[in-house]
């Protein structure tokens, strides 16, 4: 997709974000991925999910770190 955008003369940039507990299960570009929230809360005192474990939080941080590294590589090597 990036190559097609560049070939058409366009620019494209990666966007890294996490919608947390606002995401409804089964929606988005990856419907099989579980909805996740560090606290499991949507609002103070309103539990909507099980909270993530520290290992799961560490895995999310590592995934976002790798995504940022990959984005920089792509930017410098289109």
PDB file of N, CA and C in Angstrom:
ATOM      1  N   UNK A   1       0.810  -1.187   0.000  1.00  0.00           N
ATOM      2  CA  UNK A   1       0.000   0.000   0.000  1.00  0.00           C
ATOM      3  C   UNK A   1       0.861   1.261   0.000  1.00  0.00           C
ATOM      4  N   UNK A   2       1.923   1.261   0.778  1.00  0.00           N
ATOM      5  CA  UNK A   2       2.803   2.430   0.827  1.00  0.00           C
ATOM      6  C   UNK A   2       3.380   2.696  -0.558  1.00  0.00           C
ATOM      7  N   UNK A   3       3.823   1.642  -1.244  1.00  0.00           N
ATOM      8  CA  UNK A   3       4.389   1.821  -2.579  1.00  0.00           C
ATOM      9  C   UNK A   3       3.365   2.413  -3.542  1.00  0.00           C
ATOM     10  N   UNK A   4       2.106   1.973  -3.453  1.00  0.00           N
ATOM     11  CA  UNK A   4       1.059   2.487  -4.330  1.00  0.00           C
ATOM     12  C   UNK A   4       0.812   3.969  -4.070  1.00  0.00           C
ATOM     13  N   UNK A   5       0.817   4.369  -2.815  1.00  0.00           N
ATOM     14  CA  UNK A   5       0.616   5.786  -2.477  1.00  0.00           C
ATOM     15  C   UNK A   5       1.773   6.611  -3.014  1.00  0.00           C
ATOM     16  N   UNK A   6       3.002   6.138  -2.805  1.00  0.00           N
ATOM     17  CA  UNK A   6       4.172   6.867  -3.296  1.00  0.00           C
ATOM     18  C   UNK A   6       4.167   6.929  -4.825  1.00  0.00           C
ATOM     19  N   UNK A   7       3.792   5.819  -5.478  1.00  0.00           N
ATOM     20  CA  UNK A   7       3.757   5.774  -6.943  1.00  0.00           C
ATOM     21  C   UNK A   7       2.766   6.786  -7.508  1.00  0.00           C
ATOM     22  N   UNK A   8       1.709   7.053  -6.761  1.00  0.00           N
ATOM     23  CA  UNK A   8       0.705   8.024  -7.196  1.00  0.00           C
ATOM     24  C   UNK A   8       1.095   9.456  -6.820  1.00  0.00           C
ATOM     25  N   UNK A   9       2.293   9.620  -6.227  1.00  0.00           N
ATOM     26  CA  UNK A   9       2.763  10.954  -5.857  1.00  0.00           C
ATOM     27  C   UNK A   9       2.308  11.405  -4.488  1.00  0.00           C
ATOM     28  N   UNK A  10       1.703  10.512  -3.724  1.00  0.00           N
ATOM     29  CA  UNK A  10       1.204  10.869  -2.401  1.00  0.00           C
ATOM     30  C   UNK A  10       2.210  10.620  -1.298  1.00  0.00           C
ATOM     31  N   UNK A  11       1.872  11.084  -0.141  1.00  0.00           N
ATOM     32  CA  UNK A  11       2.666  10.869   1.072  1.00  0.00           C
ATOM     33  C   UNK A  11       1.826  10.044   2.040  1.00  0.00           C
ATOM     34  N   UNK A  12       2.474   9.248   2.850  1.00  0.00           N
ATOM     35  CA  UNK A  12       1.771   8.433   3.832  1.00  0.00           C
ATOM     36  C   UNK A  12       2.628   8.368   5.088  1.00  0.00           C
ATOM     37  N   UNK A  13       1.989   8.336   6.221  1.00  0.00           N
ATOM     38  CA  UNK A  13       2.716   8.270   7.484  1.00  0.00           C
ATOM     39  C   UNK A  13       2.030   7.271   8.409  1.00  0.00           C
ATOM     40  N   UNK A  14       2.812   6.512   9.161  1.00  0.00           N
ATOM     41  CA  UNK A  14       2.207   5.574  10.106  1.00  0.00           C
ATOM     42  C   UNK A  14       1.590   6.321  11.283  1.00  0.00           C
ATOM     43  N   UNK A  15       0.561   5.747  11.826  1.00  0.00           N
ATOM     44  CA  UNK A  15      -0.091   6.308  13.001  1.00  0.00           C
ATOM     45  C   UNK A  15      -0.159   5.207  14.048  1.00  0.00           C
ATOM     46  N   UNK A  16       0.443   5.445  15.190  1.00  0.00           N
ATOM     47  CA  UNK A  16       0.450   4.474  16.278  1.00  0.00           C
ATOM     48  C   UNK A  16      -0.471   4.971  17.375  1.00  0.00           C
ATOM     49  N   UNK A  17      -1.492   4.174  17.709  1.00  0.00           N
ATOM     50  CA  UNK A  17      -2.406   4.574  18.773  1.00  0.00           C
ATOM     51  C   UNK A  17      -3.091   3.351  19.334  1.00  0.00           C
ATOM     52  N   UNK A  18      -3.631   3.509  20.490  1.00  0.00           N
ATOM     53  CA  UNK A  18      -4.320   2.425  21.188  1.00  0.00           C
ATOM     54  C   UNK A  18      -5.626   2.986  21.741  1.00  0.00           C
ATOM     55  N   UNK A  19      -6.753   2.397  21.341  1.00  0.00           N
ATOM     56  CA  UNK A  19      -8.040   2.936  21.775  1.00  0.00           C
ATOM     57  C   UNK A  19      -8.530   2.337  23.087  1.00  0.00           C
ATOM     58  N   UNK A  20      -7.826   1.336  23.581  1.00  0.00           N
ATOM     59  CA  UNK A  20      -8.169   0.778  24.886  1.00  0.00           C
ATOM     60  C   UNK A  20      -9.568   0.215  24.964  1.00  0.00           C
ATOM     61  N   UNK A  21     -10.234   0.466  26.065  1.00  0.00           N
ATOM     62  CA  UNK A  21     -11.538  -0.147  26.333  1.00  0.00           C
ATOM     63  C   UNK A  21     -12.676   0.489  25.534  1.00  0.00           C
ATOM     64  N   UNK A  22     -12.395   1.559  24.788  1.00  0.00           N
ATOM     65  CA  UNK A  22     -13.432   2.168  23.964  1.00  0.00           C
ATOM     66  C   UNK A  22     -13.740   1.286  22.750  1.00  0.00           C
ATOM     67  N   UNK A  23     -12.745   0.526  22.296  1.00  0.00           N
ATOM     68  CA  UNK A  23     -12.936  -0.352  21.138  1.00  0.00           C
ATOM     69  C   UNK A  23     -13.909  -1.472  21.493  1.00  0.00           C
ATOM     70  N   UNK A  24     -14.888  -1.675  20.635  1.00  0.00           N
ATOM     71  CA  UNK A  24     -15.852  -2.753  20.841  1.00  0.00           C
ATOM     72  C   UNK A  24     -15.266  -4.047  20.291  1.00  0.00           C
ATOM     73  N   UNK A  25     -15.340  -5.145  21.033  1.00  0.00           N
ATOM     74  CA  UNK A  25     -14.800  -6.413  20.538  1.00  0.00           C
ATOM     75  C   UNK A  25     -15.365  -6.763  19.166  1.00  0.00           C
ATOM     76  N   UNK A  26     -14.494  -7.284  18.305  1.00  0.00           N
ATOM     77  CA  UNK A  26     -14.913  -7.703  16.979  1.00  0.00           C
ATOM     78  C   UNK A  26     -14.929  -6.607  15.935  1.00  0.00           C
ATOM     79  N   UNK A  27     -14.537  -5.388  16.298  1.00  0.00           N
ATOM     80  CA  UNK A  27     -14.544  -4.284  15.342  1.00  0.00           C
ATOM     81  C   UNK A  27     -13.122  -3.894  14.971  1.00  0.00           C
ATOM     82  N   UNK A  28     -13.022  -3.037  13.992  1.00  0.00           N
ATOM     83  CA  UNK A  28     -11.735  -2.519  13.557  1.00  0.00           C
ATOM     84  C   UNK A  28     -11.086  -3.394  12.513  1.00  0.00           C
ATOM     85  N   UNK A  29      -9.874  -3.008  12.112  1.00  0.00           N
ATOM     86  CA  UNK A  29      -9.201  -3.751  11.047  1.00  0.00           C
ATOM     87  C   UNK A  29      -8.758  -5.161  11.467  1.00  0.00           C
ATOM     88  N   UNK A  30      -8.696  -5.420  12.753  1.00  0.00           N
ATOM     89  CA  UNK A  30      -8.298  -6.742  13.256  1.00  0.00           C
ATOM     90  C   UNK A  30      -9.342  -7.216  14.273  1.00  0.00           C
ATOM     91  N   UNK A  31     -10.513  -7.634  13.795  1.00  0.00           N
ATOM     92  CA  UNK A  31     -11.609  -7.973  14.713  1.00  0.00           C
ATOM     93  C   UNK A  31     -11.305  -9.139  15.658  1.00  0.00           C
ATOM     94  N   UNK A  32     -10.326  -9.968  15.315  1.00  0.00           N
ATOM     95  CA  UNK A  32      -9.993 -11.101  16.176  1.00  0.00           C
ATOM     96  C   UNK A  32      -9.116 -10.710  17.366  1.00  0.00           C
ATOM     97  N   UNK A  33      -8.514  -9.524  17.314  1.00  0.00           N
ATOM     98  CA  UNK A  33      -7.677  -9.085  18.426  1.00  0.00           C
ATOM     99  C   UNK A  33      -8.565  -8.735  19.612  1.00  0.00           C
ATOM    100  N   UNK A  34      -8.139  -9.073  20.812  1.00  0.00           N
ATOM    101  CA  UNK A  34      -8.960  -8.738  21.977  1.00  0.00           C
ATOM    102  C   UNK A  34      -8.907  -7.241  22.306  1.00  0.00           C
ATOM    103  N   UNK A  35     -10.000  -6.732  22.831  1.00  0.00           N
ATOM    104  CA  UNK A  35     -10.024  -5.373  23.349  1.00  0.00           C
ATOM    105  C   UNK A  35      -9.228  -5.376  24.649  1.00  0.00           C
ATOM    106  N   UNK A  36      -8.411  -4.355  24.863  1.00  0.00           N
ATOM    107  CA  UNK A  36      -7.532  -4.354  26.030  1.00  0.00           C
ATOM    108  C   UNK A  36      -7.471  -2.977  26.670  1.00  0.00           C
ATOM    109  N   UNK A  37      -7.335  -2.981  27.985  1.00  0.00           N
ATOM    110  CA  UNK A  37      -7.205  -1.756  28.764  1.00  0.00           C
ATOM    111  C   UNK A  37      -6.320  -2.074  29.969  1.00  0.00           C
ATOM    112  N   UNK A  38      -5.319  -1.242  30.254  1.00  0.00           N
ATOM    113  CA  UNK A  38      -4.465  -1.539  31.395  1.00  0.00           C
ATOM    114  C   UNK A  38      -5.230  -1.718  32.705  1.00  0.00           C
ATOM    115  N   UNK A  39      -6.233  -0.873  32.933  1.00  0.00           N
ATOM    116  CA  UNK A  39      -6.963  -0.929  34.201  1.00  0.00           C
ATOM    117  C   UNK A  39      -8.224  -1.783  34.132  1.00  0.00           C
ATOM    118  N   UNK A  40      -8.750  -1.989  32.920  1.00  0.00           N
ATOM    119  CA  UNK A  40     -10.033  -2.669  32.774  1.00  0.00           C
ATOM    120  C   UNK A  40     -11.215  -1.738  33.007  1.00  0.00           C
ATOM    121  N   UNK A  41     -10.926  -0.460  33.253  1.00  0.00           N
ATOM    122  CA  UNK A  41     -11.984   0.513  33.541  1.00  0.00           C
ATOM    123  C   UNK A  41     -12.236   1.410  32.335  1.00  0.00           C
ATOM    124  N   UNK A  42     -13.502   1.709  32.073  1.00  0.00           N
ATOM    125  CA  UNK A  42     -13.848   2.688  31.053  1.00  0.00           C
ATOM    126  C   UNK A  42     -13.875   4.082  31.681  1.00  0.00           C
ATOM    127  N   UNK A  43     -14.482   4.175  32.848  1.00  0.00           N
ATOM    128  CA  UNK A  43     -14.526   5.388  33.667  1.00  0.00           C
ATOM    129  C   UNK A  43     -14.200   4.944  35.090  1.00  0.00           C
ATOM    130  N   UNK A  44     -13.804   5.851  35.972  1.00  0.00           N
ATOM    131  CA  UNK A  44     -13.522   5.441  37.343  1.00  0.00           C
ATOM    132  C   UNK A  44     -14.683   4.626  37.933  1.00  0.00           C
ATOM    133  N   UNK A  45     -14.368   3.432  38.372  1.00  0.00           N
ATOM    134  CA  UNK A  45     -15.360   2.572  38.996  1.00  0.00           C
ATOM    135  C   UNK A  45     -16.230   1.793  38.032  1.00  0.00           C
ATOM    136  N   UNK A  46     -16.060   1.987  36.707  1.00  0.00           N
ATOM    137  CA  UNK A  46     -16.879   1.292  35.711  1.00  0.00           C
ATOM    138  C   UNK A  46     -16.029   0.235  34.998  1.00  0.00           C
ATOM    139  N   UNK A  47     -16.015  -0.967  35.573  1.00  0.00           N
ATOM    140  CA  UNK A  47     -15.212  -2.053  35.016  1.00  0.00           C
ATOM    141  C   UNK A  47     -15.900  -2.615  33.779  1.00  0.00           C
ATOM    142  N   UNK A  48     -15.143  -2.690  32.673  1.00  0.00           N
ATOM    143  CA  UNK A  48     -15.683  -3.234  31.430  1.00  0.00           C
ATOM    144  C   UNK A  48     -14.866  -4.422  30.923  1.00  0.00           C
ATOM    145  N   UNK A  49     -13.654  -4.559  31.404  1.00  0.00           N
ATOM    146  CA  UNK A  49     -12.752  -5.632  30.993  1.00  0.00           C
ATOM    147  C   UNK A  49     -11.927  -6.087  32.184  1.00  0.00           C
ATOM    148  N   UNK A  50     -11.284  -7.206  32.019  1.00  0.00           N
ATOM    149  CA  UNK A  50     -10.290  -7.599  33.014  1.00  0.00           C
ATOM    150  C   UNK A  50      -9.053  -6.729  32.795  1.00  0.00           C
ATOM    151  N   UNK A  51      -8.428  -6.265  33.862  1.00  0.00           N
ATOM    152  CA  UNK A  51      -7.214  -5.460  33.671  1.00  0.00           C
ATOM    153  C   UNK A  51      -6.091  -6.306  33.073  1.00  0.00           C
ATOM    154  N   UNK A  52      -5.210  -5.643  32.342  1.00  0.00           N
ATOM    155  CA  UNK A  52      -4.056  -6.334  31.790  1.00  0.00           C
ATOM    156  C   UNK A  52      -3.057  -6.650  32.890  1.00  0.00           C
ATOM    157  N   UNK A  53      -2.328  -7.726  32.713  1.00  0.00           N
ATOM    158  CA  UNK A  53      -1.245  -8.059  33.635  1.00  0.00           C
ATOM    159  C   UNK A  53      -0.030  -7.207  33.275  1.00  0.00           C
ATOM    160  N   UNK A  54       0.932  -7.145  34.149  1.00  0.00           N
ATOM    161  CA  UNK A  54       2.160  -6.400  33.857  1.00  0.00           C
ATOM    162  C   UNK A  54       2.866  -7.009  32.650  1.00  0.00           C
ATOM    163  N   UNK A  55       2.839  -8.327  32.505  1.00  0.00           N
ATOM    164  CA  UNK A  55       3.440  -8.962  31.330  1.00  0.00           C
ATOM    165  C   UNK A  55       2.742  -8.513  30.051  1.00  0.00           C
ATOM    166  N   UNK A  56       1.410  -8.438  30.070  1.00  0.00           N
ATOM    167  CA  UNK A  56       0.667  -7.990  28.892  1.00  0.00           C
ATOM    168  C   UNK A  56       0.973  -6.532  28.566  1.00  0.00           C
ATOM    169  N   UNK A  57       1.092  -5.706  29.587  1.00  0.00           N
ATOM    170  CA  UNK A  57       1.442  -4.299  29.372  1.00  0.00           C
ATOM    171  C   UNK A  57       2.839  -4.201  28.777  1.00  0.00           C
ATOM    172  N   UNK A  58       3.777  -4.987  29.298  1.00  0.00           N
ATOM    173  CA  UNK A  58       5.134  -5.003  28.749  1.00  0.00           C
ATOM    174  C   UNK A  58       5.131  -5.442  27.284  1.00  0.00           C
ATOM    175  N   UNK A  59       4.287  -6.429  26.935  1.00  0.00           N
ATOM    176  CA  UNK A  59       4.186  -6.890  25.547  1.00  0.00           C
ATOM    177  C   UNK A  59       3.643  -5.784  24.635  1.00  0.00           C
ATOM    178  N   UNK A  60       2.642  -5.044  25.111  1.00  0.00           N
ATOM    179  CA  UNK A  60       2.105  -3.928  24.325  1.00  0.00           C
ATOM    180  C   UNK A  60       3.154  -2.839  24.118  1.00  0.00           C
ATOM    181  N   UNK A  61       3.900  -2.529  25.157  1.00  0.00           N
ATOM    182  CA  UNK A  61       4.959  -1.518  25.034  1.00  0.00           C
ATOM    183  C   UNK A  61       5.999  -1.977  24.027  1.00  0.00           C
ATOM    184  N   UNK A  62       6.386  -3.244  24.094  1.00  0.00           N
ATOM    185  CA  UNK A  62       7.373  -3.779  23.149  1.00  0.00           C
ATOM    186  C   UNK A  62       6.843  -3.735  21.717  1.00  0.00           C
ATOM    187  N   UNK A  63       5.566  -4.043  21.526  1.00  0.00           N
ATOM    188  CA  UNK A  63       4.978  -4.017  20.190  1.00  0.00           C
ATOM    189  C   UNK A  63       4.962  -2.592  19.631  1.00  0.00           C
ATOM    190  N   UNK A  64       4.625  -1.609  20.461  1.00  0.00           N
ATOM    191  CA  UNK A  64       4.616  -0.222  20.004  1.00  0.00           C
ATOM    192  C   UNK A  64       6.026   0.280  19.750  1.00  0.00           C
ATOM    193  N   UNK A  65       6.977  -0.164  20.558  1.00  0.00           N
ATOM    194  CA  UNK A  65       8.381   0.195  20.331  1.00  0.00           C
ATOM    195  C   UNK A  65       8.829  -0.327  18.983  1.00  0.00           C
ATOM    196  N   UNK A  66       8.525  -1.602  18.697  1.00  0.00           N
ATOM    197  CA  UNK A  66       8.913  -2.185  17.419  1.00  0.00           C
ATOM    198  C   UNK A  66       8.212  -1.494  16.258  1.00  0.00           C
ATOM    199  N   UNK A  67       6.955  -1.146  16.423  1.00  0.00           N
ATOM    200  CA  UNK A  67       6.219  -0.440  15.368  1.00  0.00           C
ATOM    201  C   UNK A  67       6.867   0.917  15.072  1.00  0.00           C
ATOM    202  N   UNK A  68       7.301   1.614  16.106  1.00  0.00           N
ATOM    203  CA  UNK A  68       7.956   2.910  15.908  1.00  0.00           C
ATOM    204  C   UNK A  68       9.292   2.732  15.192  1.00  0.00           C
ATOM    205  N   UNK A  69      10.047   1.722  15.575  1.00  0.00           N
ATOM    206  CA  UNK A  69      11.327   1.427  14.909  1.00  0.00           C
ATOM    207  C   UNK A  69      11.077   1.112  13.440  1.00  0.00           C
ATOM    208  N   UNK A  70      10.072   0.275  13.167  1.00  0.00           N
ATOM    209  CA  UNK A  70       9.747  -0.091  11.790  1.00  0.00           C
ATOM    210  C   UNK A  70       9.308   1.126  10.980  1.00  0.00           C
ATOM    211  N   UNK A  71       8.557   2.031  11.606  1.00  0.00           N
ATOM    212  CA  UNK A  71       8.093   3.233  10.922  1.00  0.00           C
ATOM    213  C   UNK A  71       9.268   4.114  10.530  1.00  0.00           C
ATOM    214  N   UNK A  72      10.249   4.247  11.407  1.00  0.00           N
ATOM    215  CA  UNK A  72      11.428   5.049  11.102  1.00  0.00           C
ATOM    216  C   UNK A  72      12.209   4.403   9.961  1.00  0.00           C
ATOM    217  N   UNK A  73      12.359   3.091   9.985  1.00  0.00           N
ATOM    218  CA  UNK A  73      13.066   2.387   8.915  1.00  0.00           C
ATOM    219  C   UNK A  73      12.361   2.608   7.581  1.00  0.00           C
ATOM    220  N   UNK A  74      11.038   2.513   7.574  1.00  0.00           N
ATOM    221  CA  UNK A  74      10.264   2.706   6.357  1.00  0.00           C
ATOM    222  C   UNK A  74      10.425   4.126   5.843  1.00  0.00           C
ATOM    223  N   UNK A  75      10.447   5.068   6.756  1.00  0.00           N
ATOM    224  CA  UNK A  75      10.594   6.485   6.363  1.00  0.00           C
ATOM    225  C   UNK A  75      11.918   6.724   5.674  1.00  0.00           C
ATOM    226  N   UNK A  76      12.965   6.063   6.148  1.00  0.00           N
ATOM    227  CA  UNK A  76      14.297   6.281   5.604  1.00  0.00           C
ATOM    228  C   UNK A  76      14.622   5.342   4.446  1.00  0.00           C
ATOM    229  N   UNK A  77      13.786   4.334   4.222  1.00  0.00           N
ATOM    230  CA  UNK A  77      13.993   3.369   3.151  1.00  0.00           C
ATOM    231  C   UNK A  77      12.701   3.109   2.411  1.00  0.00           C
ATOM    232  N   UNK A  78      12.148   4.115   1.730  1.00  0.00           N
ATOM    233  CA  UNK A  78      10.843   3.923   1.075  1.00  0.00           C
ATOM    234  C   UNK A  78      10.900   2.897  -0.040  1.00  0.00           C
TER     235      UNK A  78
END
